[in-house]
Amino acid sequence: MLESTSKTVLHCYPGLVALITAKSGDKQNIMAAGWHSYISYDPPIYGVAVAKERFTHHLIEESKKFAINFVPAEYAHFIELSGKKTGVDGDKFERMFAKWKEGEVTGAPILQSAYVAYECEVIDTNTYGDHDWLVGKITRFHQDKEKFGQDGLPDFNKLQLPLFLGQSKYLIADNATTLKEIDLGK
């Protein structure tokens, strides 16, 4: 029989980590989120778990808008840095040298390095334990079409995906027959 505790969460990895961006007034932030999901295809709805004490949560609560960004493996350091620094201490985009553009519908930052990004407007929020599940209607879809095949799937000759393992380690999903591991904890 397997033993578990309520603090055992790494069993849900490896997985894609989303970079959540939000802006309210002149304040903006970026954070890493491992718990996120499409909820509906039609209408397009996406959800993400964000702890109430996070600076990004406060910005989303004020603006009722956010963006979900997915970056290729060469930008896995954005995932790592945005998950370890707080936006209260200053602009993480500047500290990470992350280029972005203003979202066309929401105004939330869209990373220029993202291969896919969704602009979302909050339609529901529910508290589950120590996180709020923020549900957003996707109002704008951004995609680097050169990174995808005609079938809509990633073209692994042009795109490598960072799959988070935990503890600053990632597997790289690409067209190779073996997975490569990178450690950003060094």
N, C-alpha and C. Protein backbone atom coordinates (compact mmCIF):
# COMPACT_ATOMS: atom_id res chain seq x y z
N MET A 1 0.84 -1.18 0.00
CA MET A 1 0.00 0.00 0.00
C MET A 1 0.89 1.24 0.00
N LEU A 2 0.52 2.24 -0.81
CA LEU A 2 1.26 3.48 -0.87
C LEU A 2 0.88 4.38 0.30
N GLU A 3 1.88 5.03 0.85
CA GLU A 3 1.62 6.02 1.89
C GLU A 3 1.59 7.38 1.25
N SER A 4 0.74 8.25 1.76
CA SER A 4 0.69 9.60 1.23
C SER A 4 0.34 10.57 2.34
N THR A 5 0.61 11.82 2.08
CA THR A 5 0.22 12.89 2.99
C THR A 5 -0.49 13.94 2.18
N SER A 6 -1.14 14.86 2.86
CA SER A 6 -1.84 15.93 2.15
C SER A 6 -0.86 16.86 1.44
N LYS A 7 0.42 16.80 1.76
CA LYS A 7 1.42 17.67 1.13
C LYS A 7 2.08 17.00 -0.07
N THR A 8 1.68 15.77 -0.43
CA THR A 8 2.26 15.08 -1.57
C THR A 8 1.58 15.60 -2.84
N VAL A 9 2.31 16.39 -3.62
CA VAL A 9 1.70 16.97 -4.83
C VAL A 9 2.51 16.70 -6.09
N LEU A 10 3.72 16.27 -5.97
CA LEU A 10 4.56 16.12 -7.16
C LEU A 10 4.13 14.98 -8.06
N HIS A 11 3.16 14.19 -7.65
CA HIS A 11 2.68 13.10 -8.49
C HIS A 11 1.99 13.59 -9.76
N CYS A 12 1.63 14.84 -9.83
CA CYS A 12 0.95 15.37 -11.02
C CYS A 12 1.94 15.86 -12.07
N TYR A 13 3.24 15.72 -11.80
CA TYR A 13 4.25 16.14 -12.76
C TYR A 13 4.89 14.91 -13.38
N PRO A 14 5.49 14.95 -14.58
CA PRO A 14 5.82 16.15 -15.32
C PRO A 14 4.60 16.76 -16.00
N GLY A 15 4.68 18.05 -16.19
CA GLY A 15 3.60 18.75 -16.86
C GLY A 15 4.03 20.13 -17.32
N LEU A 16 3.23 20.70 -18.21
CA LEU A 16 3.48 22.06 -18.67
C LEU A 16 3.15 23.05 -17.58
N VAL A 17 4.00 24.02 -17.40
CA VAL A 17 3.75 25.10 -16.46
C VAL A 17 3.35 26.32 -17.28
N ALA A 18 2.27 26.94 -16.87
CA ALA A 18 1.81 28.16 -17.53
C ALA A 18 2.40 29.37 -16.82
N LEU A 19 2.65 30.40 -17.57
CA LEU A 19 3.05 31.68 -16.99
C LEU A 19 1.83 32.58 -17.01
N ILE A 20 1.37 32.95 -15.82
CA ILE A 20 0.17 33.77 -15.67
C ILE A 20 0.62 35.22 -15.58
N THR A 21 0.03 36.07 -16.40
CA THR A 21 0.36 37.48 -16.36
C THR A 21 -0.91 38.28 -16.08
N ALA A 22 -0.74 39.39 -15.38
CA ALA A 22 -1.87 40.25 -15.05
C ALA A 22 -1.39 41.68 -14.90
N LYS A 23 -2.32 42.59 -15.11
CA LYS A 23 -2.01 44.01 -14.99
C LYS A 23 -3.23 44.73 -14.43
N SER A 24 -2.97 45.63 -13.48
CA SER A 24 -4.01 46.50 -12.94
C SER A 24 -3.40 47.87 -12.76
N GLY A 25 -3.95 48.85 -13.46
CA GLY A 25 -3.36 50.19 -13.42
C GLY A 25 -1.96 50.14 -13.98
N ASP A 26 -0.99 50.66 -13.20
CA ASP A 26 0.41 50.66 -13.67
C ASP A 26 1.22 49.51 -13.08
N LYS A 27 0.55 48.56 -12.40
CA LYS A 27 1.23 47.41 -11.82
C LYS A 27 0.95 46.17 -12.65
N GLN A 28 1.99 45.37 -12.84
CA GLN A 28 1.84 44.13 -13.60
C GLN A 28 2.71 43.06 -12.95
N ASN A 29 2.42 41.80 -13.27
CA ASN A 29 3.21 40.72 -12.69
C ASN A 29 3.10 39.47 -13.56
N ILE A 30 4.01 38.56 -13.29
CA ILE A 30 4.07 37.26 -13.94
C ILE A 30 4.36 36.22 -12.88
N MET A 31 3.68 35.08 -12.95
CA MET A 31 3.91 33.99 -12.00
C MET A 31 3.80 32.66 -12.72
N ALA A 32 4.47 31.65 -12.19
CA ALA A 32 4.39 30.29 -12.72
C ALA A 32 3.23 29.57 -12.04
N ALA A 33 2.49 28.77 -12.83
CA ALA A 33 1.37 28.00 -12.29
C ALA A 33 1.38 26.60 -12.90
N GLY A 34 1.45 25.60 -12.05
CA GLY A 34 1.42 24.22 -12.51
C GLY A 34 0.02 23.65 -12.56
N TRP A 35 -0.92 24.29 -11.87
CA TRP A 35 -2.29 23.78 -11.81
C TRP A 35 -3.19 24.67 -12.67
N HIS A 36 -3.47 24.20 -13.87
CA HIS A 36 -4.27 24.96 -14.83
C HIS A 36 -4.89 23.99 -15.82
N SER A 37 -5.97 24.43 -16.50
CA SER A 37 -6.62 23.52 -17.43
C SER A 37 -7.63 24.24 -18.32
N TYR A 38 -7.76 23.72 -19.56
CA TYR A 38 -8.92 24.06 -20.38
C TYR A 38 -10.14 23.52 -19.66
N ILE A 39 -11.22 24.25 -19.66
CA ILE A 39 -12.46 23.80 -19.03
C ILE A 39 -13.54 23.58 -20.08
N SER A 40 -13.53 24.41 -21.12
CA SER A 40 -14.53 24.30 -22.18
C SER A 40 -13.91 24.73 -23.50
N TYR A 41 -14.30 24.01 -24.54
CA TYR A 41 -13.86 24.36 -25.89
C TYR A 41 -14.80 25.39 -26.51
N ASP A 42 -16.10 25.22 -26.28
CA ASP A 42 -17.09 26.13 -26.86
C ASP A 42 -18.18 26.44 -25.83
N PRO A 43 -18.13 27.60 -25.20
CA PRO A 43 -17.19 28.70 -25.42
C PRO A 43 -15.82 28.37 -24.82
N PRO A 44 -14.78 29.03 -25.33
CA PRO A 44 -13.44 28.75 -24.82
C PRO A 44 -13.25 29.31 -23.40
N ILE A 45 -12.99 28.39 -22.45
CA ILE A 45 -12.85 28.78 -21.04
C ILE A 45 -11.62 28.07 -20.48
N TYR A 46 -10.84 28.79 -19.68
CA TYR A 46 -9.62 28.25 -19.09
C TYR A 46 -9.60 28.59 -17.61
N GLY A 47 -9.02 27.69 -16.80
CA GLY A 47 -8.93 27.93 -15.37
C GLY A 47 -7.53 27.75 -14.84
N VAL A 48 -7.23 28.45 -13.75
CA VAL A 48 -5.92 28.37 -13.12
C VAL A 48 -6.08 28.52 -11.61
N ALA A 49 -5.26 27.77 -10.87
CA ALA A 49 -5.25 27.87 -9.41
C ALA A 49 -4.18 28.88 -8.99
N VAL A 50 -4.60 29.88 -8.21
CA VAL A 50 -3.68 30.92 -7.74
C VAL A 50 -3.94 31.14 -6.24
N ALA A 51 -2.90 31.08 -5.44
CA ALA A 51 -3.03 31.30 -4.00
C ALA A 51 -3.39 32.77 -3.75
N LYS A 52 -4.26 33.00 -2.77
CA LYS A 52 -4.76 34.35 -2.48
C LYS A 52 -3.66 35.33 -2.12
N GLU A 53 -2.58 34.84 -1.50
CA GLU A 53 -1.53 35.76 -1.06
C GLU A 53 -0.60 36.19 -2.20
N ARG A 54 -0.74 35.63 -3.36
CA ARG A 54 0.12 35.99 -4.50
C ARG A 54 -0.23 37.37 -5.02
N PHE A 55 0.80 38.12 -5.38
CA PHE A 55 0.63 39.46 -5.93
C PHE A 55 -0.22 39.40 -7.20
N THR A 56 0.00 38.38 -8.02
CA THR A 56 -0.78 38.21 -9.26
C THR A 56 -2.27 38.06 -8.95
N HIS A 57 -2.59 37.34 -7.88
CA HIS A 57 -3.99 37.16 -7.48
C HIS A 57 -4.65 38.52 -7.25
N HIS A 58 -3.94 39.40 -6.55
CA HIS A 58 -4.49 40.73 -6.26
C HIS A 58 -4.72 41.53 -7.54
N LEU A 59 -3.80 41.43 -8.49
CA LEU A 59 -3.96 42.14 -9.76
C LEU A 59 -5.16 41.61 -10.54
N ILE A 60 -5.32 40.28 -10.54
CA ILE A 60 -6.46 39.67 -11.24
C ILE A 60 -7.76 40.06 -10.54
N GLU A 61 -7.75 40.07 -9.23
CA GLU A 61 -8.94 40.44 -8.47
C GLU A 61 -9.38 41.88 -8.79
N GLU A 62 -8.40 42.78 -8.95
CA GLU A 62 -8.70 44.18 -9.27
C GLU A 62 -9.15 44.36 -10.71
N SER A 63 -8.45 43.73 -11.66
CA SER A 63 -8.71 43.97 -13.08
C SER A 63 -9.75 43.03 -13.68
N LYS A 64 -9.93 41.86 -13.06
CA LYS A 64 -10.82 40.80 -13.58
C LYS A 64 -10.32 40.26 -14.92
N LYS A 65 -8.98 40.35 -15.14
CA LYS A 65 -8.38 39.90 -16.40
C LYS A 65 -7.03 39.27 -16.12
N PHE A 66 -6.63 38.34 -16.99
CA PHE A 66 -5.32 37.73 -16.90
C PHE A 66 -4.99 37.09 -18.24
N ALA A 67 -3.74 36.65 -18.37
CA ALA A 67 -3.33 35.92 -19.58
C ALA A 67 -2.58 34.66 -19.16
N ILE A 68 -2.72 33.64 -19.97
CA ILE A 68 -2.02 32.36 -19.80
C ILE A 68 -1.00 32.30 -20.93
N ASN A 69 0.28 32.13 -20.59
CA ASN A 69 1.36 32.09 -21.58
C ASN A 69 2.11 30.77 -21.47
N PHE A 70 2.44 30.17 -22.60
CA PHE A 70 3.26 28.96 -22.63
C PHE A 70 4.52 29.27 -23.45
N VAL A 71 5.69 29.00 -22.86
CA VAL A 71 6.95 29.32 -23.51
C VAL A 71 7.71 28.04 -23.86
N PRO A 72 8.53 28.10 -24.93
CA PRO A 72 9.35 26.94 -25.30
C PRO A 72 10.48 26.71 -24.30
N ALA A 73 11.13 25.56 -24.41
CA ALA A 73 12.16 25.14 -23.46
C ALA A 73 13.28 26.16 -23.30
N GLU A 74 13.63 26.87 -24.36
CA GLU A 74 14.74 27.82 -24.21
C GLU A 74 14.39 28.98 -23.28
N TYR A 75 13.12 29.08 -22.89
CA TYR A 75 12.69 30.11 -21.94
C TYR A 75 12.22 29.50 -20.62
N ALA A 76 12.64 28.28 -20.33
CA ALA A 76 12.28 27.65 -19.05
C ALA A 76 12.76 28.46 -17.86
N HIS A 77 13.82 29.24 -18.05
CA HIS A 77 14.30 30.10 -16.96
C HIS A 77 13.24 31.14 -16.56
N PHE A 78 12.35 31.54 -17.49
CA PHE A 78 11.24 32.43 -17.12
C PHE A 78 10.32 31.74 -16.12
N ILE A 79 10.06 30.47 -16.34
CA ILE A 79 9.22 29.70 -15.43
C ILE A 79 9.87 29.67 -14.05
N GLU A 80 11.15 29.34 -14.05
CA GLU A 80 11.89 29.22 -12.80
C GLU A 80 11.94 30.55 -12.04
N LEU A 81 12.32 31.62 -12.73
CA LEU A 81 12.46 32.92 -12.06
C LEU A 81 11.12 33.50 -11.61
N SER A 82 10.10 33.35 -12.43
CA SER A 82 8.81 33.93 -12.06
C SER A 82 8.15 33.17 -10.92
N GLY A 83 8.58 31.93 -10.70
CA GLY A 83 8.06 31.15 -9.60
C GLY A 83 8.80 31.36 -8.29
N LYS A 84 9.96 31.99 -8.35
CA LYS A 84 10.78 32.16 -7.14
C LYS A 84 10.89 33.59 -6.66
N LYS A 85 10.48 34.54 -7.45
CA LYS A 85 10.57 35.96 -7.08
C LYS A 85 9.16 36.51 -6.90
N THR A 86 9.03 37.55 -6.10
CA THR A 86 7.74 38.19 -5.91
C THR A 86 7.67 39.49 -6.70
N GLY A 87 6.50 39.79 -7.21
CA GLY A 87 6.30 41.04 -7.94
C GLY A 87 6.15 42.24 -7.03
N VAL A 88 5.97 42.01 -5.74
CA VAL A 88 5.86 43.11 -4.79
C VAL A 88 7.16 43.90 -4.74
N ASP A 89 8.29 43.23 -4.98
CA ASP A 89 9.61 43.87 -4.91
C ASP A 89 10.01 44.60 -6.18
N GLY A 90 9.15 44.66 -7.17
CA GLY A 90 9.47 45.35 -8.42
C GLY A 90 9.04 44.53 -9.62
N ASP A 91 9.21 45.10 -10.79
CA ASP A 91 8.75 44.52 -12.04
C ASP A 91 9.58 43.29 -12.41
N LYS A 92 8.97 42.11 -12.34
CA LYS A 92 9.66 40.86 -12.69
C LYS A 92 10.01 40.81 -14.17
N PHE A 93 9.20 41.43 -15.02
CA PHE A 93 9.50 41.43 -16.45
C PHE A 93 10.86 42.06 -16.70
N GLU A 94 11.11 43.19 -16.04
CA GLU A 94 12.40 43.87 -16.19
C GLU A 94 13.53 43.03 -15.61
N ARG A 95 13.32 42.47 -14.44
CA ARG A 95 14.37 41.67 -13.78
C ARG A 95 14.70 40.41 -14.58
N MET A 96 13.73 39.88 -15.31
CA MET A 96 13.93 38.66 -16.10
C MET A 96 14.33 38.96 -17.54
N PHE A 97 14.33 40.25 -17.92
CA PHE A 97 14.58 40.65 -19.31
C PHE A 97 13.58 40.00 -20.26
N ALA A 98 12.33 39.92 -19.80
CA ALA A 98 11.25 39.30 -20.59
C ALA A 98 10.54 40.36 -21.42
N LYS A 99 10.54 40.17 -22.73
CA LYS A 99 9.85 41.10 -23.62
C LYS A 99 8.39 40.70 -23.72
N TRP A 100 7.53 41.68 -23.76
CA TRP A 100 6.10 41.43 -23.80
C TRP A 100 5.41 42.54 -24.56
N LYS A 101 4.16 42.26 -24.93
CA LYS A 101 3.32 43.28 -25.54
C LYS A 101 2.02 43.31 -24.75
N GLU A 102 1.32 44.40 -24.84
CA GLU A 102 0.05 44.53 -24.13
C GLU A 102 -1.02 43.71 -24.84
N GLY A 103 -1.77 42.96 -24.08
CA GLY A 103 -2.87 42.17 -24.64
C GLY A 103 -3.87 43.07 -25.34
N GLU A 104 -4.35 42.61 -26.48
CA GLU A 104 -5.26 43.41 -27.31
C GLU A 104 -6.63 43.61 -26.69
N VAL A 105 -7.10 42.64 -25.91
CA VAL A 105 -8.43 42.72 -25.31
C VAL A 105 -8.36 43.03 -23.82
N THR A 106 -7.45 42.36 -23.12
CA THR A 106 -7.40 42.48 -21.66
C THR A 106 -6.37 43.47 -21.15
N GLY A 107 -5.37 43.77 -21.95
CA GLY A 107 -4.27 44.61 -21.49
C GLY A 107 -3.25 43.83 -20.68
N ALA A 108 -3.52 42.56 -20.38
CA ALA A 108 -2.56 41.73 -19.64
C ALA A 108 -1.34 41.49 -20.51
N PRO A 109 -0.15 41.46 -19.93
CA PRO A 109 1.06 41.24 -20.72
C PRO A 109 1.05 39.88 -21.43
N ILE A 110 1.44 39.91 -22.70
CA ILE A 110 1.60 38.70 -23.51
C ILE A 110 3.09 38.57 -23.83
N LEU A 111 3.69 37.48 -23.40
CA LEU A 111 5.12 37.29 -23.63
C LEU A 111 5.40 37.11 -25.12
N GLN A 112 6.38 37.84 -25.62
CA GLN A 112 6.74 37.72 -27.03
C GLN A 112 7.34 36.35 -27.32
N SER A 113 7.89 35.69 -26.32
CA SER A 113 8.48 34.37 -26.50
C SER A 113 7.45 33.24 -26.41
N ALA A 114 6.21 33.55 -26.07
CA ALA A 114 5.18 32.51 -25.93
C ALA A 114 4.83 31.92 -27.29
N TYR A 115 4.72 30.60 -27.35
CA TYR A 115 4.24 29.97 -28.58
C TYR A 115 2.72 29.93 -28.61
N VAL A 116 2.10 30.03 -27.43
CA VAL A 116 0.64 30.14 -27.30
C VAL A 116 0.35 31.01 -26.10
N ALA A 117 -0.65 31.88 -26.21
CA ALA A 117 -1.12 32.68 -25.07
C ALA A 117 -2.61 32.91 -25.22
N TYR A 118 -3.30 32.95 -24.07
CA TYR A 118 -4.73 33.21 -24.04
C TYR A 118 -4.98 34.44 -23.19
N GLU A 119 -5.73 35.39 -23.72
CA GLU A 119 -6.20 36.50 -22.91
C GLU A 119 -7.55 36.08 -22.33
N CYS A 120 -7.72 36.28 -21.03
CA CYS A 120 -8.93 35.81 -20.34
C CYS A 120 -9.57 36.90 -19.50
N GLU A 121 -10.90 36.87 -19.46
CA GLU A 121 -11.67 37.73 -18.56
C GLU A 121 -12.34 36.82 -17.54
N VAL A 122 -12.18 37.15 -16.25
CA VAL A 122 -12.69 36.31 -15.17
C VAL A 122 -14.22 36.22 -15.24
N ILE A 123 -14.71 34.98 -15.21
CA ILE A 123 -16.17 34.77 -15.17
C ILE A 123 -16.60 34.06 -13.90
N ASP A 124 -15.62 33.50 -13.14
CA ASP A 124 -15.97 32.81 -11.91
C ASP A 124 -14.71 32.61 -11.08
N THR A 125 -14.90 32.59 -9.76
CA THR A 125 -13.81 32.31 -8.83
C THR A 125 -14.37 31.45 -7.70
N ASN A 126 -13.67 30.37 -7.38
CA ASN A 126 -14.06 29.51 -6.27
C ASN A 126 -12.83 29.19 -5.45
N THR A 127 -13.01 29.13 -4.14
CA THR A 127 -11.91 28.80 -3.24
C THR A 127 -11.92 27.31 -2.95
N TYR A 128 -10.74 26.69 -3.11
CA TYR A 128 -10.54 25.29 -2.78
C TYR A 128 -9.27 25.21 -1.95
N GLY A 129 -9.42 25.00 -0.65
CA GLY A 129 -8.25 24.94 0.22
C GLY A 129 -7.50 26.25 0.21
N ASP A 130 -6.21 26.19 -0.08
CA ASP A 130 -5.37 27.39 -0.01
C ASP A 130 -5.23 28.11 -1.35
N HIS A 131 -6.01 27.72 -2.37
CA HIS A 131 -5.96 28.38 -3.68
C HIS A 131 -7.36 28.77 -4.14
N ASP A 132 -7.40 29.80 -4.96
CA ASP A 132 -8.63 30.13 -5.68
C ASP A 132 -8.51 29.56 -7.08
N TRP A 133 -9.58 28.98 -7.58
CA TRP A 133 -9.64 28.52 -8.96
C TRP A 133 -10.28 29.65 -9.74
N LEU A 134 -9.47 30.33 -10.55
CA LEU A 134 -9.91 31.48 -11.34
C LEU A 134 -10.28 30.98 -12.73
N VAL A 135 -11.49 31.24 -13.12
CA VAL A 135 -12.00 30.76 -14.41
C VAL A 135 -12.16 31.96 -15.33
N GLY A 136 -11.59 31.86 -16.52
CA GLY A 136 -11.65 32.96 -17.46
C GLY A 136 -12.17 32.55 -18.83
N LYS A 137 -13.00 33.39 -19.39
CA LYS A 137 -13.43 33.22 -20.78
C LYS A 137 -12.27 33.71 -21.65
N ILE A 138 -11.83 32.88 -22.59
CA ILE A 138 -10.75 33.28 -23.48
C ILE A 138 -11.31 34.29 -24.49
N THR A 139 -10.74 35.50 -24.44
CA THR A 139 -11.23 36.57 -25.31
C THR A 139 -10.32 36.81 -26.51
N ARG A 140 -9.10 36.29 -26.45
CA ARG A 140 -8.15 36.43 -27.57
C ARG A 140 -7.15 35.30 -27.47
N PHE A 141 -6.85 34.68 -28.61
CA PHE A 141 -5.92 33.57 -28.70
C PHE A 141 -4.72 34.01 -29.52
N HIS A 142 -3.52 33.84 -28.97
CA HIS A 142 -2.28 34.19 -29.67
C HIS A 142 -1.51 32.89 -29.93
N GLN A 143 -0.99 32.73 -31.13
CA GLN A 143 -0.25 31.51 -31.48
C GLN A 143 0.85 31.83 -32.47
N ASP A 144 2.04 31.28 -32.21
CA ASP A 144 3.14 31.35 -33.17
C ASP A 144 2.91 30.20 -34.14
N LYS A 145 2.20 30.47 -35.22
CA LYS A 145 1.77 29.43 -36.16
C LYS A 145 2.93 28.67 -36.80
N GLU A 146 4.10 29.29 -36.86
CA GLU A 146 5.27 28.61 -37.43
C GLU A 146 5.72 27.43 -36.59
N LYS A 147 5.32 27.39 -35.32
CA LYS A 147 5.73 26.31 -34.42
C LYS A 147 4.76 25.12 -34.43
N PHE A 148 3.73 25.19 -35.29
CA PHE A 148 2.70 24.15 -35.33
C PHE A 148 2.54 23.59 -36.73
N GLY A 149 2.15 22.33 -36.80
CA GLY A 149 1.88 21.70 -38.09
C GLY A 149 0.47 22.03 -38.56
N GLN A 150 0.15 21.59 -39.77
CA GLN A 150 -1.18 21.83 -40.32
C GLN A 150 -2.27 21.14 -39.52
N ASP A 151 -1.89 20.10 -38.76
CA ASP A 151 -2.86 19.39 -37.93
C ASP A 151 -3.14 20.11 -36.61
N GLY A 152 -2.45 21.23 -36.37
CA GLY A 152 -2.65 22.01 -35.15
C GLY A 152 -1.80 21.55 -33.98
N LEU A 153 -1.04 20.47 -34.16
CA LEU A 153 -0.18 19.96 -33.09
C LEU A 153 1.20 20.62 -33.17
N PRO A 154 1.92 20.67 -32.04
CA PRO A 154 3.26 21.25 -32.07
C PRO A 154 4.16 20.53 -33.07
N ASP A 155 4.96 21.28 -33.79
CA ASP A 155 5.96 20.74 -34.69
C ASP A 155 7.25 20.63 -33.89
N PHE A 156 7.57 19.42 -33.44
CA PHE A 156 8.71 19.24 -32.57
C PHE A 156 10.05 19.39 -33.27
N ASN A 157 10.04 19.65 -34.57
CA ASN A 157 11.26 20.05 -35.25
C ASN A 157 11.52 21.53 -35.03
N LYS A 158 10.49 22.27 -34.61
CA LYS A 158 10.59 23.72 -34.42
C LYS A 158 10.32 24.17 -32.99
N LEU A 159 9.87 23.24 -32.14
CA LEU A 159 9.45 23.61 -30.79
C LEU A 159 9.83 22.52 -29.80
N GLN A 160 10.45 22.92 -28.72
CA GLN A 160 10.74 22.02 -27.61
C GLN A 160 9.94 22.51 -26.40
N LEU A 161 9.24 21.59 -25.74
CA LEU A 161 8.40 21.96 -24.60
C LEU A 161 9.09 21.60 -23.29
N PRO A 162 9.11 22.54 -22.33
CA PRO A 162 9.68 22.22 -21.02
C PRO A 162 8.62 21.59 -20.12
N LEU A 163 8.83 20.35 -19.72
CA LEU A 163 7.92 19.65 -18.81
C LEU A 163 8.52 19.69 -17.41
N PHE A 164 7.85 20.36 -16.50
CA PHE A 164 8.35 20.54 -15.14
C PHE A 164 8.26 19.24 -14.36
N LEU A 165 9.39 18.84 -13.75
CA LEU A 165 9.44 17.64 -12.93
C LEU A 165 9.28 17.97 -11.45
N GLY A 166 9.67 19.18 -11.07
CA GLY A 166 9.73 19.58 -9.67
C GLY A 166 11.17 19.87 -9.30
N GLN A 167 11.36 20.65 -8.23
CA GLN A 167 12.70 20.94 -7.70
C GLN A 167 13.65 21.49 -8.76
N SER A 168 13.17 22.42 -9.58
CA SER A 168 13.96 23.11 -10.60
C SER A 168 14.45 22.21 -11.73
N LYS A 169 13.80 21.07 -11.94
CA LYS A 169 14.20 20.16 -13.01
C LYS A 169 13.10 20.05 -14.05
N TYR A 170 13.52 19.95 -15.32
CA TYR A 170 12.61 19.90 -16.46
C TYR A 170 13.03 18.79 -17.40
N LEU A 171 12.06 18.18 -18.05
CA LEU A 171 12.30 17.30 -19.18
C LEU A 171 11.97 18.09 -20.43
N ILE A 172 12.70 17.86 -21.49
CA ILE A 172 12.45 18.56 -22.74
C ILE A 172 11.76 17.60 -23.70
N ALA A 173 10.54 17.95 -24.10
CA ALA A 173 9.80 17.17 -25.09
C ALA A 173 10.08 17.75 -26.47
N ASP A 174 10.62 16.91 -27.34
CA ASP A 174 10.90 17.33 -28.71
C ASP A 174 10.75 16.11 -29.62
N ASN A 175 11.34 16.15 -30.79
CA ASN A 175 11.18 15.04 -31.73
C ASN A 175 12.20 13.92 -31.53
N ALA A 176 13.04 14.04 -30.50
CA ALA A 176 14.04 13.00 -30.23
C ALA A 176 13.36 11.78 -29.60
N THR A 177 14.03 10.65 -29.68
CA THR A 177 13.46 9.44 -29.10
C THR A 177 13.74 9.34 -27.60
N THR A 178 14.65 10.16 -27.09
CA THR A 178 14.91 10.18 -25.66
C THR A 178 14.64 11.58 -25.12
N LEU A 179 14.22 11.65 -23.88
CA LEU A 179 13.96 12.93 -23.25
C LEU A 179 15.25 13.45 -22.62
N LYS A 180 15.47 14.76 -22.73
CA LYS A 180 16.62 15.39 -22.12
C LYS A 180 16.17 16.04 -20.83
N GLU A 181 17.00 15.99 -19.82
CA GLU A 181 16.68 16.64 -18.55
C GLU A 181 17.56 17.87 -18.40
N ILE A 182 16.97 18.96 -17.95
CA ILE A 182 17.76 20.15 -17.62
C ILE A 182 17.47 20.50 -16.17
N ASP A 183 18.50 21.02 -15.50
CA ASP A 183 18.39 21.40 -14.10
C ASP A 183 18.68 22.88 -14.01
N LEU A 184 17.69 23.68 -13.67
CA LEU A 184 17.87 25.12 -13.54
C LEU A 184 18.16 25.53 -12.11
N GLY A 185 18.30 24.57 -11.23
CA GLY A 185 18.55 24.86 -9.83
C GLY A 185 19.99 25.22 -9.52
N LYS A 186 20.84 25.12 -10.50
CA LYS A 186 22.27 25.40 -10.29
C LYS A 186 22.57 26.86 -10.43
